[in-house]
């Protein structure tokens, strides 16, 4: 009787160890993608890192999930195709004052019609709403990339307002502050 008890676990050990090894292996590869699953894009990585929140996100997430991928989410913090935020469809208010501007008032852009953004309270609320949608779709990790603020920035109305609210001072023009000038190219 003791032999049987010992025999069964030994017999199952090779199967159990392979199952445990599969579950314990860390994910090693990931890919960033902004499209639904397609054999043309499937490089057989462990993770599909879905990029950006848009109207196709749920469909994209489902398509990769059906292929067995661990889903993760990445989006830009300082820029993105966030026209719904700027034009007021997010909360009924336009937020064009949240664009980073230089001292001449020109917007600092990431390509055409994609501005870098001042991290105001309303913009942070917007980003939280985008992240919540990804969490609701079951992503296992979040990547909020590129929280950039440019040295030549700091002149937009939103920046001045946020500065004053946080530091309780009007602040100094960015280009005249010695520590800011170190970061500028010659």
C-alpha atoms as a PDB file:
ATOM      1  CA  UNK A   1       0.000   0.000   0.000  1.00  0.00           C
ATOM      2  CA  UNK A   2       2.837   2.417   0.751  1.00  0.00           C
ATOM      3  CA  UNK A   3       4.369   1.603  -2.614  1.00  0.00           C
ATOM      4  CA  UNK A   4       1.227   2.670  -4.417  1.00  0.00           C
ATOM      5  CA  UNK A   5       1.153   5.990  -2.615  1.00  0.00           C
ATOM      6  CA  UNK A   6       4.766   6.592  -3.522  1.00  0.00           C
ATOM      7  CA  UNK A   7       4.308   5.329  -7.080  1.00  0.00           C
ATOM      8  CA  UNK A   8       1.448   7.634  -8.029  1.00  0.00           C
ATOM      9  CA  UNK A   9       3.203  10.887  -7.101  1.00  0.00           C
ATOM     10  CA  UNK A  10       6.400   9.745  -8.806  1.00  0.00           C
ATOM     11  CA  UNK A  11       4.423   8.833 -11.909  1.00  0.00           C
ATOM     12  CA  UNK A  12       2.736  12.226 -11.964  1.00  0.00           C
ATOM     13  CA  UNK A  13       5.869  14.197 -11.095  1.00  0.00           C
ATOM     14  CA  UNK A  14       7.101  14.659 -14.695  1.00  0.00           C
ATOM     15  CA  UNK A  15       3.695  15.982 -15.744  1.00  0.00           C
ATOM     16  CA  UNK A  16       3.288  18.172 -12.675  1.00  0.00           C
ATOM     17  CA  UNK A  17       6.734  19.701 -13.036  1.00  0.00           C
ATOM     18  CA  UNK A  18       6.158  20.603 -16.676  1.00  0.00           C
ATOM     19  CA  UNK A  19       2.838  22.247 -15.819  1.00  0.00           C
ATOM     20  CA  UNK A  20       4.392  24.132 -12.904  1.00  0.00           C
ATOM     21  CA  UNK A  21       7.345  25.190 -15.035  1.00  0.00           C
ATOM     22  CA  UNK A  22       5.007  26.626 -17.657  1.00  0.00           C
ATOM     23  CA  UNK A  23       3.096  28.613 -15.068  1.00  0.00           C
ATOM     24  CA  UNK A  24       6.204  29.855 -13.263  1.00  0.00           C
ATOM     25  CA  UNK A  25       8.224  30.983 -16.261  1.00  0.00           C
ATOM     26  CA  UNK A  26       8.301  34.768 -16.458  1.00  0.00           C
ATOM     27  CA  UNK A  27       7.187  36.453 -19.621  1.00  0.00           C
ATOM     28  CA  UNK A  28      10.257  37.430 -21.569  1.00  0.00           C
ATOM     29  CA  UNK A  29       9.061  39.054 -24.753  1.00  0.00           C
ATOM     30  CA  UNK A  30       6.519  41.704 -25.583  1.00  0.00           C
ATOM     31  CA  UNK A  31       5.419  43.678 -28.567  1.00  0.00           C
ATOM     32  CA  UNK A  32       3.761  47.048 -28.801  1.00  0.00           C
ATOM     33  CA  UNK A  33       0.860  47.166 -31.247  1.00  0.00           C
ATOM     34  CA  UNK A  34      -1.974  49.538 -32.085  1.00  0.00           C
ATOM     35  CA  UNK A  35      -3.856  47.121 -34.346  1.00  0.00           C
ATOM     36  CA  UNK A  36      -6.117  44.106 -33.889  1.00  0.00           C
ATOM     37  CA  UNK A  37      -4.634  40.625 -34.081  1.00  0.00           C
ATOM     38  CA  UNK A  38      -3.483  39.546 -37.506  1.00  0.00           C
ATOM     39  CA  UNK A  39      -1.142  36.746 -38.515  1.00  0.00           C
ATOM     40  CA  UNK A  40       0.937  39.416 -40.238  1.00  0.00           C
ATOM     41  CA  UNK A  41       1.700  41.073 -36.873  1.00  0.00           C
ATOM     42  CA  UNK A  42       1.765  38.018 -34.619  1.00  0.00           C
ATOM     43  CA  UNK A  43       5.428  37.517 -33.711  1.00  0.00           C
ATOM     44  CA  UNK A  44       4.567  34.973 -30.990  1.00  0.00           C
ATOM     45  CA  UNK A  45       5.682  37.119 -28.076  1.00  0.00           C
ATOM     46  CA  UNK A  46       4.415  36.517 -24.555  1.00  0.00           C
ATOM     47  CA  UNK A  47       2.696  39.897 -24.213  1.00  0.00           C
ATOM     48  CA  UNK A  48       0.661  42.089 -26.531  1.00  0.00           C
ATOM     49  CA  UNK A  49       1.156  45.646 -25.288  1.00  0.00           C
ATOM     50  CA  UNK A  50      -1.796  47.491 -26.778  1.00  0.00           C
ATOM     51  CA  UNK A  51      -0.862  51.046 -27.618  1.00  0.00           C
ATOM     52  CA  UNK A  52      -3.205  54.005 -27.134  1.00  0.00           C
ATOM     53  CA  UNK A  53      -6.841  54.225 -26.143  1.00  0.00           C
ATOM     54  CA  UNK A  54      -9.276  54.815 -28.962  1.00  0.00           C
ATOM     55  CA  UNK A  55     -12.638  53.601 -30.203  1.00  0.00           C
ATOM     56  CA  UNK A  56     -11.069  50.315 -31.396  1.00  0.00           C
ATOM     57  CA  UNK A  57      -9.441  49.391 -28.073  1.00  0.00           C
ATOM     58  CA  UNK A  58     -12.045  46.847 -26.912  1.00  0.00           C
ATOM     59  CA  UNK A  59     -12.003  45.104 -30.286  1.00  0.00           C
ATOM     60  CA  UNK A  60      -8.196  45.071 -30.380  1.00  0.00           C
ATOM     61  CA  UNK A  61      -7.992  43.717 -26.828  1.00  0.00           C
ATOM     62  CA  UNK A  62     -10.476  40.939 -27.564  1.00  0.00           C
ATOM     63  CA  UNK A  63      -8.680  39.920 -30.750  1.00  0.00           C
ATOM     64  CA  UNK A  64      -5.330  39.453 -28.942  1.00  0.00           C
ATOM     65  CA  UNK A  65      -6.953  37.877 -25.890  1.00  0.00           C
ATOM     66  CA  UNK A  66      -8.593  35.236 -28.121  1.00  0.00           C
ATOM     67  CA  UNK A  67      -5.114  34.267 -29.318  1.00  0.00           C
ATOM     68  CA  UNK A  68      -3.978  33.682 -25.725  1.00  0.00           C
ATOM     69  CA  UNK A  69      -1.944  36.829 -25.183  1.00  0.00           C
ATOM     70  CA  UNK A  70      -1.337  38.523 -21.862  1.00  0.00           C
ATOM     71  CA  UNK A  71      -2.647  42.034 -22.525  1.00  0.00           C
ATOM     72  CA  UNK A  72      -0.907  45.148 -21.320  1.00  0.00           C
ATOM     73  CA  UNK A  73      -1.565  48.814 -22.090  1.00  0.00           C
ATOM     74  CA  UNK A  74       0.717  51.693 -23.062  1.00  0.00           C
ATOM     75  CA  UNK A  75      -0.171  55.281 -23.812  1.00  0.00           C
ATOM     76  CA  UNK A  76       1.626  58.599 -23.999  1.00  0.00           C
ATOM     77  CA  UNK A  77       1.387  60.877 -20.994  1.00  0.00           C
ATOM     78  CA  UNK A  78       2.622  64.117 -22.512  1.00  0.00           C
ATOM     79  CA  UNK A  79       1.150  63.683 -25.990  1.00  0.00           C
ATOM     80  CA  UNK A  80      -1.282  61.563 -27.936  1.00  0.00           C
ATOM     81  CA  UNK A  81      -4.251  61.715 -30.262  1.00  0.00           C
ATOM     82  CA  UNK A  82      -6.363  63.241 -27.530  1.00  0.00           C
ATOM     83  CA  UNK A  83      -8.517  65.486 -29.698  1.00  0.00           C
ATOM     84  CA  UNK A  84     -11.585  64.400 -27.688  1.00  0.00           C
ATOM     85  CA  UNK A  85      -9.953  66.066 -24.687  1.00  0.00           C
ATOM     86  CA  UNK A  86      -8.947  69.252 -26.527  1.00  0.00           C
ATOM     87  CA  UNK A  87     -12.248  69.705 -28.341  1.00  0.00           C
ATOM     88  CA  UNK A  88     -14.445  69.098 -25.298  1.00  0.00           C
ATOM     89  CA  UNK A  89     -16.114  65.774 -26.039  1.00  0.00           C
ATOM     90  CA  UNK A  90     -14.526  64.289 -22.893  1.00  0.00           C
ATOM     91  CA  UNK A  91     -15.989  66.680 -20.322  1.00  0.00           C
ATOM     92  CA  UNK A  92     -17.807  69.378 -22.270  1.00  0.00           C
ATOM     93  CA  UNK A  93     -14.923  71.877 -22.008  1.00  0.00           C
ATOM     94  CA  UNK A  94     -12.228  72.702 -24.518  1.00  0.00           C
ATOM     95  CA  UNK A  95      -8.693  72.385 -23.203  1.00  0.00           C
ATOM     96  CA  UNK A  96      -6.573  74.156 -25.779  1.00  0.00           C
ATOM     97  CA  UNK A  97      -4.913  76.140 -22.958  1.00  0.00           C
ATOM     98  CA  UNK A  98      -3.321  72.845 -21.823  1.00  0.00           C
ATOM     99  CA  UNK A  99      -0.974  72.762 -24.823  1.00  0.00           C
ATOM    100  CA  UNK A 100       2.673  73.402 -23.935  1.00  0.00           C
ATOM    101  CA  UNK A 101       3.822  76.638 -25.562  1.00  0.00           C
ATOM    102  CA  UNK A 102       7.113  78.433 -25.965  1.00  0.00           C
ATOM    103  CA  UNK A 103       7.676  82.047 -24.957  1.00  0.00           C
ATOM    104  CA  UNK A 104       6.248  83.292 -28.278  1.00  0.00           C
ATOM    105  CA  UNK A 105       3.054  81.358 -27.572  1.00  0.00           C
ATOM    106  CA  UNK A 106       3.679  78.766 -30.304  1.00  0.00           C
ATOM    107  CA  UNK A 107       2.464  75.260 -29.452  1.00  0.00           C
ATOM    108  CA  UNK A 108       5.125  72.613 -28.912  1.00  0.00           C
ATOM    109  CA  UNK A 109       4.056  69.735 -31.134  1.00  0.00           C
ATOM    110  CA  UNK A 110       4.768  66.043 -31.542  1.00  0.00           C
ATOM    111  CA  UNK A 111       4.126  65.918 -35.253  1.00  0.00           C
ATOM    112  CA  UNK A 112       1.142  67.493 -36.959  1.00  0.00           C
ATOM    113  CA  UNK A 113      -1.801  68.473 -34.743  1.00  0.00           C
ATOM    114  CA  UNK A 114      -0.517  66.474 -31.743  1.00  0.00           C
ATOM    115  CA  UNK A 115       0.593  68.883 -29.041  1.00  0.00           C
ATOM    116  CA  UNK A 116       2.579  68.194 -25.898  1.00  0.00           C
ATOM    117  CA  UNK A 117       0.308  68.696 -22.909  1.00  0.00           C
ATOM    118  CA  UNK A 118       0.562  70.440 -19.537  1.00  0.00           C
ATOM    119  CA  UNK A 119      -0.395  67.923 -16.815  1.00  0.00           C
ATOM    120  CA  UNK A 120      -3.331  69.854 -15.371  1.00  0.00           C
ATOM    121  CA  UNK A 121      -5.850  68.364 -12.948  1.00  0.00           C
ATOM    122  CA  UNK A 122      -8.417  67.990 -15.754  1.00  0.00           C
ATOM    123  CA  UNK A 123      -5.867  66.288 -18.023  1.00  0.00           C
ATOM    124  CA  UNK A 124      -4.899  63.890 -15.232  1.00  0.00           C
ATOM    125  CA  UNK A 125      -8.610  63.043 -14.851  1.00  0.00           C
ATOM    126  CA  UNK A 126      -8.750  62.378 -18.588  1.00  0.00           C
ATOM    127  CA  UNK A 127      -5.745  60.054 -18.436  1.00  0.00           C
ATOM    128  CA  UNK A 128      -7.268  58.200 -15.477  1.00  0.00           C
ATOM    129  CA  UNK A 129     -10.422  57.613 -17.516  1.00  0.00           C
ATOM    130  CA  UNK A 130      -8.335  56.207 -20.384  1.00  0.00           C
ATOM    131  CA  UNK A 131      -6.434  53.914 -18.010  1.00  0.00           C
ATOM    132  CA  UNK A 132      -9.680  52.751 -16.385  1.00  0.00           C
ATOM    133  CA  UNK A 133     -10.984  51.608 -19.773  1.00  0.00           C
ATOM    134  CA  UNK A 134      -7.856  49.484 -20.218  1.00  0.00           C
ATOM    135  CA  UNK A 135      -8.161  48.052 -16.703  1.00  0.00           C
ATOM    136  CA  UNK A 136     -11.809  47.229 -17.374  1.00  0.00           C
ATOM    137  CA  UNK A 137     -10.614  45.180 -20.364  1.00  0.00           C
ATOM    138  CA  UNK A 138      -8.362  43.133 -18.060  1.00  0.00           C
ATOM    139  CA  UNK A 139      -4.878  44.378 -18.879  1.00  0.00           C
ATOM    140  CA  UNK A 140      -2.209  43.045 -16.533  1.00  0.00           C
ATOM    141  CA  UNK A 141       0.132  46.061 -16.644  1.00  0.00           C
ATOM    142  CA  UNK A 142       0.079  49.747 -17.536  1.00  0.00           C
ATOM    143  CA  UNK A 143       2.836  51.805 -19.131  1.00  0.00           C
ATOM    144  CA  UNK A 144       2.404  55.574 -19.111  1.00  0.00           C
ATOM    145  CA  UNK A 145       5.244  56.661 -21.321  1.00  0.00           C
ATOM    146  CA  UNK A 146       7.060  59.880 -22.034  1.00  0.00           C
ATOM    147  CA  UNK A 147       6.008  62.265 -19.268  1.00  0.00           C
ATOM    148  CA  UNK A 148       7.867  65.057 -21.055  1.00  0.00           C
ATOM    149  CA  UNK A 149       7.850  68.737 -20.385  1.00  0.00           C
ATOM    150  CA  UNK A 150      10.054  70.803 -22.641  1.00  0.00           C
ATOM    151  CA  UNK A 151      12.623  73.288 -21.351  1.00  0.00           C
ATOM    152  CA  UNK A 152      11.370  75.918 -23.796  1.00  0.00           C
ATOM    153  CA  UNK A 153       7.824  75.385 -22.474  1.00  0.00           C
ATOM    154  CA  UNK A 154       6.217  76.866 -19.408  1.00  0.00           C
ATOM    155  CA  UNK A 155       4.401  79.760 -21.030  1.00  0.00           C
ATOM    156  CA  UNK A 156       0.898  78.438 -21.599  1.00  0.00           C
ATOM    157  CA  UNK A 157      -1.990  79.734 -19.465  1.00  0.00           C
ATOM    158  CA  UNK A 158      -2.475  76.277 -17.929  1.00  0.00           C
ATOM    159  CA  UNK A 159       1.172  75.978 -16.951  1.00  0.00           C
ATOM    160  CA  UNK A 160       1.112  79.369 -15.238  1.00  0.00           C
ATOM    161  CA  UNK A 161      -2.106  78.484 -13.416  1.00  0.00           C
ATOM    162  CA  UNK A 162      -0.800  75.088 -12.246  1.00  0.00           C
ATOM    163  CA  UNK A 163       2.518  76.628 -11.163  1.00  0.00           C
ATOM    164  CA  UNK A 164       0.778  79.260  -9.084  1.00  0.00           C
ATOM    165  CA  UNK A 165      -1.594  76.717  -7.505  1.00  0.00           C
ATOM    166  CA  UNK A 166       1.250  74.381  -6.525  1.00  0.00           C
ATOM    167  CA  UNK A 167       4.013  76.842  -5.527  1.00  0.00           C
ATOM    168  CA  UNK A 168       1.798  79.739  -4.396  1.00  0.00           C
ATOM    169  CA  UNK A 169       3.942  82.114  -6.480  1.00  0.00           C
ATOM    170  CA  UNK A 170       3.742  83.559  -9.961  1.00  0.00           C
ATOM    171  CA  UNK A 171       7.010  81.869 -10.871  1.00  0.00           C
ATOM    172  CA  UNK A 172       9.733  83.068 -13.196  1.00  0.00           C
ATOM    173  CA  UNK A 173       9.854  82.972 -16.965  1.00  0.00           C
ATOM    174  CA  UNK A 174      11.371  79.633 -17.914  1.00  0.00           C
ATOM    175  CA  UNK A 175      14.013  81.008 -20.246  1.00  0.00           C
ATOM    176  CA  UNK A 176      15.381  83.308 -17.527  1.00  0.00           C
ATOM    177  CA  UNK A 177      15.800  80.611 -14.899  1.00  0.00           C
ATOM    178  CA  UNK A 178      19.475  79.447 -14.746  1.00  0.00           C
ATOM    179  CA  UNK A 179      18.671  75.784 -14.091  1.00  0.00           C
ATOM    180  CA  UNK A 180      16.328  75.657 -17.086  1.00  0.00           C
ATOM    181  CA  UNK A 181      18.911  77.216 -19.407  1.00  0.00           C
ATOM    182  CA  UNK A 182      21.369  74.376 -18.812  1.00  0.00           C
ATOM    183  CA  UNK A 183      18.994  71.973 -20.574  1.00  0.00           C
ATOM    184  CA  UNK A 184      18.685  74.028 -23.738  1.00  0.00           C
ATOM    185  CA  UNK A 185      20.751  73.314 -26.847  1.00  0.00           C
ATOM    186  CA  UNK A 186      23.333  75.914 -27.879  1.00  0.00           C
END
